[in-house]
Amino acid sequence: MPPKEPDVVDRVLDTLDNYLDLLHDRVLRPIFLVGRTVAFGFFLFLVAIVVVVTLLVGAVRLLNVYAFSAHEWITYLLLGATLIGIGLVLWRKRRPVTLRK
């Protein structure tokens, strides 16, 4: 029996399948990747904020209870000076907008 030639319906469905695969690979996949990246980035940003706030609260409590129990102002002075120092270091590392390329 000779091999049967595909009928019109099979060819149309194969062509449609190829175009849908092309649409998925060229259009939808990059959109999904960007959306996933934005979602994970936002989640990691929120987790980082929670971790930083928790560490700061823990540092204040640790210093108030064990290091400077009678003088809370020393704790605030120490943490304030540390955060200002970090801010100044980051401020020095910035570049003007025209040089950022």
C-alpha atoms as a PDB file:
ATOM      1  CA  MET A   1       0.000   0.000   0.000  1.00  0.00           C
ATOM      2  CA  PRO A   2       1.552   3.361  -0.984  1.00  0.00           C
ATOM      3  CA  PRO A   3       2.075   6.012   1.734  1.00  0.00           C
ATOM      4  CA  LYS A   4      -0.952   8.196   2.082  1.00  0.00           C
ATOM      5  CA  GLU A   5      -0.611  11.929   1.465  1.00  0.00           C
ATOM      6  CA  PRO A   6      -1.759  14.077   4.442  1.00  0.00           C
ATOM      7  CA  ASP A   7      -5.126  15.605   3.904  1.00  0.00           C
ATOM      8  CA  VAL A   8      -5.987  19.295   4.044  1.00  0.00           C
ATOM      9  CA  VAL A   9      -7.062  19.245   7.698  1.00  0.00           C
ATOM     10  CA  ASP A  10      -3.732  17.752   8.835  1.00  0.00           C
ATOM     11  CA  ARG A  11      -1.744  20.327   6.858  1.00  0.00           C
ATOM     12  CA  VAL A  12      -3.804  23.235   8.196  1.00  0.00           C
ATOM     13  CA  LEU A  13      -3.479  22.009  11.783  1.00  0.00           C
ATOM     14  CA  ASP A  14       0.278  21.478  11.367  1.00  0.00           C
ATOM     15  CA  THR A  15       0.650  24.999   9.978  1.00  0.00           C
ATOM     16  CA  LEU A  16      -1.461  26.441  12.810  1.00  0.00           C
ATOM     17  CA  ASP A  17       0.593  24.505  15.344  1.00  0.00           C
ATOM     18  CA  ASN A  18       3.837  25.859  13.871  1.00  0.00           C
ATOM     19  CA  TYR A  19       2.561  29.453  13.986  1.00  0.00           C
ATOM     20  CA  LEU A  20       1.355  29.075  17.556  1.00  0.00           C
ATOM     21  CA  ASP A  21       4.741  27.661  18.590  1.00  0.00           C
ATOM     22  CA  LEU A  22       6.434  30.599  16.889  1.00  0.00           C
ATOM     23  CA  LEU A  23       4.121  33.063  18.649  1.00  0.00           C
ATOM     24  CA  HIS A  24       4.821  31.418  21.995  1.00  0.00           C
ATOM     25  CA  ASP A  25       8.600  31.390  21.509  1.00  0.00           C
ATOM     26  CA  ARG A  26       8.946  34.936  20.177  1.00  0.00           C
ATOM     27  CA  VAL A  27       6.225  36.859  22.040  1.00  0.00           C
ATOM     28  CA  LEU A  28       4.848  35.114  25.084  1.00  0.00           C
ATOM     29  CA  ARG A  29       8.030  33.592  26.511  1.00  0.00           C
ATOM     30  CA  PRO A  30       9.852  36.979  26.822  1.00  0.00           C
ATOM     31  CA  ILE A  31       6.747  38.501  28.433  1.00  0.00           C
ATOM     32  CA  PHE A  32       6.603  35.655  30.951  1.00  0.00           C
ATOM     33  CA  LEU A  33      10.339  35.989  31.702  1.00  0.00           C
ATOM     34  CA  VAL A  34      10.033  39.738  32.324  1.00  0.00           C
ATOM     35  CA  GLY A  35       6.985  39.235  34.537  1.00  0.00           C
ATOM     36  CA  ARG A  36       8.710  36.514  36.524  1.00  0.00           C
ATOM     37  CA  THR A  37      11.815  38.672  36.957  1.00  0.00           C
ATOM     38  CA  VAL A  38       9.763  41.638  38.185  1.00  0.00           C
ATOM     39  CA  ALA A  39       7.777  39.469  40.602  1.00  0.00           C
ATOM     40  CA  PHE A  40      10.857  37.780  42.093  1.00  0.00           C
ATOM     41  CA  GLY A  41      12.702  41.112  42.289  1.00  0.00           C
ATOM     42  CA  PHE A  42       9.819  42.719  44.149  1.00  0.00           C
ATOM     43  CA  PHE A  43       9.611  39.764  46.528  1.00  0.00           C
ATOM     44  CA  LEU A  44      13.363  39.858  47.232  1.00  0.00           C
ATOM     45  CA  PHE A  45      13.193  43.625  47.789  1.00  0.00           C
ATOM     46  CA  LEU A  46      10.442  43.176  50.391  1.00  0.00           C
ATOM     47  CA  VAL A  47      12.355  40.370  52.108  1.00  0.00           C
ATOM     48  CA  ALA A  48      15.481  42.554  52.219  1.00  0.00           C
ATOM     49  CA  ILE A  49      13.528  45.397  53.839  1.00  0.00           C
ATOM     50  CA  VAL A  50      12.141  43.036  56.487  1.00  0.00           C
ATOM     51  CA  VAL A  51      15.609  41.621  57.206  1.00  0.00           C
ATOM     52  CA  VAL A  52      17.223  45.072  57.512  1.00  0.00           C
ATOM     53  CA  VAL A  53      14.499  46.376  59.842  1.00  0.00           C
ATOM     54  CA  THR A  54      14.693  43.219  61.961  1.00  0.00           C
ATOM     55  CA  LEU A  55      18.475  43.502  62.254  1.00  0.00           C
ATOM     56  CA  LEU A  56      18.246  47.175  63.243  1.00  0.00           C
ATOM     57  CA  VAL A  57      15.630  46.466  65.906  1.00  0.00           C
ATOM     58  CA  GLY A  58      17.725  43.567  67.205  1.00  0.00           C
ATOM     59  CA  ALA A  59      20.851  45.732  67.299  1.00  0.00           C
ATOM     60  CA  VAL A  60      19.060  48.464  69.256  1.00  0.00           C
ATOM     61  CA  ARG A  61      17.688  45.976  71.768  1.00  0.00           C
ATOM     62  CA  LEU A  62      21.024  44.187  72.101  1.00  0.00           C
ATOM     63  CA  LEU A  63      22.923  47.412  72.691  1.00  0.00           C
ATOM     64  CA  ASN A  64      20.302  48.799  75.085  1.00  0.00           C
ATOM     65  CA  VAL A  65      20.176  45.661  77.221  1.00  0.00           C
ATOM     66  CA  TYR A  66      23.769  44.410  77.255  1.00  0.00           C
ATOM     67  CA  ALA A  67      26.134  47.192  76.217  1.00  0.00           C
ATOM     68  CA  PHE A  68      24.660  50.493  77.429  1.00  0.00           C
ATOM     69  CA  SER A  69      21.906  49.507  79.821  1.00  0.00           C
ATOM     70  CA  ALA A  70      21.673  52.815  81.664  1.00  0.00           C
ATOM     71  CA  HIS A  71      22.434  55.116  78.718  1.00  0.00           C
ATOM     72  CA  GLU A  72      20.121  54.555  75.761  1.00  0.00           C
ATOM     73  CA  TRP A  73      21.293  57.713  74.044  1.00  0.00           C
ATOM     74  CA  ILE A  74      24.684  56.079  73.389  1.00  0.00           C
ATOM     75  CA  THR A  75      22.932  53.324  71.420  1.00  0.00           C
ATOM     76  CA  TYR A  76      21.105  55.832  69.249  1.00  0.00           C
ATOM     77  CA  LEU A  77      24.275  57.889  68.795  1.00  0.00           C
ATOM     78  CA  LEU A  78      26.277  54.823  67.763  1.00  0.00           C
ATOM     79  CA  LEU A  79      23.684  53.476  65.319  1.00  0.00           C
ATOM     80  CA  GLY A  80      23.008  56.954  63.907  1.00  0.00           C
ATOM     81  CA  ALA A  81      26.702  57.584  63.318  1.00  0.00           C
ATOM     82  CA  THR A  82      27.063  54.168  61.680  1.00  0.00           C
ATOM     83  CA  LEU A  83      24.120  54.752  59.327  1.00  0.00           C
ATOM     84  CA  ILE A  84      25.314  58.262  58.480  1.00  0.00           C
ATOM     85  CA  GLY A  85      28.770  56.862  57.717  1.00  0.00           C
ATOM     86  CA  ILE A  86      27.278  54.226  55.400  1.00  0.00           C
ATOM     87  CA  GLY A  87      25.204  56.923  53.706  1.00  0.00           C
ATOM     88  CA  LEU A  88      28.253  59.134  53.173  1.00  0.00           C
ATOM     89  CA  VAL A  89      30.239  56.265  51.668  1.00  0.00           C
ATOM     90  CA  LEU A  90      27.392  55.484  49.274  1.00  0.00           C
ATOM     91  CA  TRP A  91      27.011  59.180  48.437  1.00  0.00           C
ATOM     92  CA  ARG A  92      30.689  59.413  47.494  1.00  0.00           C
ATOM     93  CA  LYS A  93      30.375  56.426  45.167  1.00  0.00           C
ATOM     94  CA  ARG A  94      27.602  57.994  43.095  1.00  0.00           C
ATOM     95  CA  ARG A  95      28.313  59.400  39.648  1.00  0.00           C
ATOM     96  CA  PRO A  96      26.667  62.270  37.794  1.00  0.00           C
ATOM     97  CA  VAL A  97      23.938  61.317  35.325  1.00  0.00           C
ATOM     98  CA  THR A  98      26.090  62.153  32.271  1.00  0.00           C
ATOM     99  CA  LEU A  99      28.849  59.731  33.357  1.00  0.00           C
ATOM    100  CA  ARG A 100      26.648  56.706  34.140  1.00  0.00           C
ATOM    101  CA  LYS A 101      26.930  55.144  30.683  1.00  0.00           C
END
